[in-house]
Amino acid sequence: MKILPNIITKQLILRLPKSTEAKLMRDFVIKNKQHFLPWEAIQIDDYYTENYWLERIEQIKIGRAHV
């Protein structure tokens, strides 16, 4: 398993999501879809599913995905 650092400041903790947070990631991308539309590439339909985010988080954890 690849260990990735957290970035911690006085006002922020920046870290990758945990597998248990896949639903939160899905909710975030759905809620902000219209806002990010001008800057984000066109996404596959699965991008907006909890399963996509669970798989993506697992890929990052084992070092098989770009972060």
N, C-alpha and C. Protein backbone atom coordinates (compact mmCIF):
# COMPACT_ATOMS: atom_id res chain seq x y z
N MET A 1 0.84 -1.17 0.00
CA MET A 1 0.00 0.00 0.00
C MET A 1 0.89 1.24 0.00
N LYS A 2 0.58 2.17 -0.84
CA LYS A 2 1.31 3.42 -0.94
C LYS A 2 0.85 4.36 0.17
N ILE A 3 1.80 4.92 0.90
CA ILE A 3 1.45 5.86 1.97
C ILE A 3 1.60 7.27 1.42
N LEU A 4 0.52 8.01 1.44
CA LEU A 4 0.52 9.37 0.93
C LEU A 4 0.40 10.35 2.09
N PRO A 5 1.10 11.48 1.99
CA PRO A 5 1.12 12.42 3.11
C PRO A 5 -0.16 13.24 3.22
N ASN A 6 -0.39 13.72 4.42
CA ASN A 6 -1.42 14.73 4.65
C ASN A 6 -0.72 16.08 4.66
N ILE A 7 -1.43 17.11 4.25
CA ILE A 7 -0.91 18.46 4.34
C ILE A 7 -1.72 19.15 5.43
N ILE A 8 -1.04 19.61 6.45
CA ILE A 8 -1.72 20.18 7.61
C ILE A 8 -1.22 21.60 7.85
N THR A 9 -2.16 22.53 7.95
CA THR A 9 -1.86 23.90 8.32
C THR A 9 -2.74 24.27 9.51
N LYS A 10 -2.65 25.51 9.96
CA LYS A 10 -3.47 25.96 11.08
C LYS A 10 -4.96 25.93 10.75
N GLN A 11 -5.30 26.10 9.47
CA GLN A 11 -6.70 26.22 9.08
C GLN A 11 -7.19 25.09 8.19
N LEU A 12 -6.33 24.13 7.86
CA LEU A 12 -6.72 23.14 6.86
C LEU A 12 -6.00 21.82 7.08
N ILE A 13 -6.70 20.74 6.84
CA ILE A 13 -6.09 19.41 6.72
C ILE A 13 -6.50 18.89 5.35
N LEU A 14 -5.51 18.70 4.49
CA LEU A 14 -5.76 18.21 3.13
C LEU A 14 -5.26 16.78 3.05
N ARG A 15 -6.18 15.86 2.71
CA ARG A 15 -5.82 14.44 2.62
C ARG A 15 -6.70 13.78 1.57
N LEU A 16 -6.27 12.61 1.17
CA LEU A 16 -7.09 11.83 0.25
C LEU A 16 -8.25 11.21 1.01
N PRO A 17 -9.37 11.00 0.33
CA PRO A 17 -10.51 10.38 1.02
C PRO A 17 -10.25 8.92 1.37
N LYS A 18 -10.93 8.48 2.41
CA LYS A 18 -10.88 7.07 2.83
C LYS A 18 -11.97 6.31 2.06
N SER A 19 -11.83 5.00 1.99
CA SER A 19 -12.82 4.18 1.29
C SER A 19 -14.22 4.39 1.86
N THR A 20 -14.29 4.62 3.16
CA THR A 20 -15.59 4.83 3.80
C THR A 20 -16.22 6.17 3.42
N GLU A 21 -15.48 7.01 2.71
CA GLU A 21 -15.98 8.32 2.32
C GLU A 21 -16.35 8.41 0.83
N ALA A 22 -16.46 7.28 0.17
CA ALA A 22 -16.81 7.26 -1.26
C ALA A 22 -18.15 7.96 -1.51
N LYS A 23 -19.12 7.73 -0.63
CA LYS A 23 -20.43 8.37 -0.79
C LYS A 23 -20.30 9.89 -0.67
N LEU A 24 -19.45 10.36 0.23
CA LEU A 24 -19.24 11.80 0.37
C LEU A 24 -18.63 12.40 -0.90
N MET A 25 -17.70 11.68 -1.52
CA MET A 25 -17.11 12.15 -2.77
C MET A 25 -18.17 12.21 -3.87
N ARG A 26 -18.99 11.17 -3.95
CA ARG A 26 -20.08 11.16 -4.94
C ARG A 26 -21.00 12.35 -4.72
N ASP A 27 -21.39 12.58 -3.48
CA ASP A 27 -22.28 13.70 -3.17
C ASP A 27 -21.63 15.04 -3.54
N PHE A 28 -20.34 15.17 -3.28
CA PHE A 28 -19.62 16.39 -3.59
C PHE A 28 -19.61 16.67 -5.09
N VAL A 29 -19.26 15.66 -5.90
CA VAL A 29 -19.18 15.91 -7.34
C VAL A 29 -20.56 16.16 -7.95
N ILE A 30 -21.58 15.53 -7.42
CA ILE A 30 -22.94 15.78 -7.91
C ILE A 30 -23.38 17.19 -7.54
N LYS A 31 -23.16 17.57 -6.30
CA LYS A 31 -23.58 18.90 -5.82
C LYS A 31 -22.87 20.02 -6.59
N ASN A 32 -21.62 19.80 -6.96
CA ASN A 32 -20.81 20.86 -7.58
C ASN A 32 -20.63 20.71 -9.09
N LYS A 33 -21.37 19.79 -9.70
CA LYS A 33 -21.22 19.50 -11.13
C LYS A 33 -21.35 20.76 -11.99
N GLN A 34 -22.38 21.53 -11.78
CA GLN A 34 -22.60 22.73 -12.59
C GLN A 34 -21.50 23.77 -12.37
N HIS A 35 -21.05 23.90 -11.13
CA HIS A 35 -20.01 24.88 -10.83
C HIS A 35 -18.70 24.53 -11.55
N PHE A 36 -18.31 23.26 -11.54
CA PHE A 36 -17.04 22.84 -12.14
C PHE A 36 -17.12 22.65 -13.66
N LEU A 37 -18.31 22.68 -14.22
CA LEU A 37 -18.51 22.41 -15.64
C LEU A 37 -17.57 23.19 -16.57
N PRO A 38 -17.34 24.49 -16.36
CA PRO A 38 -16.47 25.23 -17.28
C PRO A 38 -15.01 24.78 -17.28
N TRP A 39 -14.55 24.14 -16.21
CA TRP A 39 -13.13 23.79 -16.08
C TRP A 39 -12.85 22.31 -16.15
N GLU A 40 -13.82 21.49 -15.89
CA GLU A 40 -13.61 20.06 -15.79
C GLU A 40 -13.86 19.36 -17.13
N ALA A 41 -13.08 18.32 -17.38
CA ALA A 41 -13.30 17.51 -18.58
C ALA A 41 -14.66 16.81 -18.48
N ILE A 42 -15.19 16.43 -19.62
CA ILE A 42 -16.45 15.67 -19.64
C ILE A 42 -16.19 14.34 -18.94
N GLN A 43 -17.08 13.99 -18.02
CA GLN A 43 -16.90 12.78 -17.22
C GLN A 43 -17.82 11.66 -17.72
N ILE A 44 -17.37 10.43 -17.49
CA ILE A 44 -18.22 9.28 -17.78
C ILE A 44 -19.36 9.25 -16.76
N ASP A 45 -20.46 8.61 -17.10
CA ASP A 45 -21.61 8.56 -16.19
C ASP A 45 -21.26 7.95 -14.84
N ASP A 46 -20.38 6.95 -14.84
CA ASP A 46 -20.00 6.28 -13.60
C ASP A 46 -19.31 7.22 -12.60
N TYR A 47 -18.74 8.30 -13.10
CA TYR A 47 -18.05 9.29 -12.25
C TYR A 47 -18.98 9.78 -11.14
N TYR A 48 -20.25 9.76 -11.39
CA TYR A 48 -21.24 10.27 -10.44
C TYR A 48 -21.88 9.15 -9.61
N THR A 49 -21.15 8.04 -9.45
CA THR A 49 -21.66 6.92 -8.65
C THR A 49 -20.73 6.65 -7.47
N GLU A 50 -21.29 6.12 -6.41
CA GLU A 50 -20.50 5.77 -5.23
C GLU A 50 -19.48 4.69 -5.57
N ASN A 51 -19.86 3.73 -6.40
CA ASN A 51 -18.95 2.64 -6.77
C ASN A 51 -17.71 3.17 -7.49
N TYR A 52 -17.89 4.14 -8.38
CA TYR A 52 -16.75 4.75 -9.08
C TYR A 52 -15.75 5.29 -8.06
N TRP A 53 -16.26 6.03 -7.08
CA TRP A 53 -15.37 6.66 -6.09
C TRP A 53 -14.73 5.63 -5.18
N LEU A 54 -15.43 4.57 -4.85
CA LEU A 54 -14.84 3.51 -4.04
C LEU A 54 -13.68 2.88 -4.80
N GLU A 55 -13.88 2.56 -6.06
CA GLU A 55 -12.81 1.97 -6.88
C GLU A 55 -11.65 2.93 -7.06
N ARG A 56 -11.96 4.19 -7.29
CA ARG A 56 -10.92 5.21 -7.49
C ARG A 56 -10.06 5.37 -6.24
N ILE A 57 -10.69 5.41 -5.08
CA ILE A 57 -9.95 5.54 -3.82
C ILE A 57 -9.07 4.32 -3.61
N GLU A 58 -9.58 3.14 -3.90
CA GLU A 58 -8.79 1.92 -3.75
C GLU A 58 -7.60 1.92 -4.70
N GLN A 59 -7.78 2.40 -5.93
CA GLN A 59 -6.68 2.48 -6.89
C GLN A 59 -5.59 3.42 -6.39
N ILE A 60 -5.99 4.53 -5.82
CA ILE A 60 -5.01 5.48 -5.29
C ILE A 60 -4.24 4.84 -4.14
N LYS A 61 -4.94 4.13 -3.27
CA LYS A 61 -4.28 3.50 -2.11
C LYS A 61 -3.22 2.50 -2.52
N ILE A 62 -3.42 1.78 -3.61
CA ILE A 62 -2.44 0.77 -4.02
C ILE A 62 -1.45 1.32 -5.06
N GLY A 63 -1.55 2.60 -5.36
CA GLY A 63 -0.60 3.23 -6.26
C GLY A 63 -0.87 2.98 -7.72
N ARG A 64 -2.12 2.68 -8.09
CA ARG A 64 -2.46 2.42 -9.49
C ARG A 64 -3.24 3.54 -10.14
N ALA A 65 -3.23 4.70 -9.53
CA ALA A 65 -3.96 5.83 -10.11
C ALA A 65 -3.16 7.10 -9.88
N HIS A 66 -3.32 8.03 -10.76
CA HIS A 66 -2.67 9.33 -10.59
C HIS A 66 -3.52 10.15 -9.63
N VAL A 67 -2.85 10.89 -8.78
CA VAL A 67 -3.55 11.77 -7.84
C VAL A 67 -3.31 13.20 -8.20
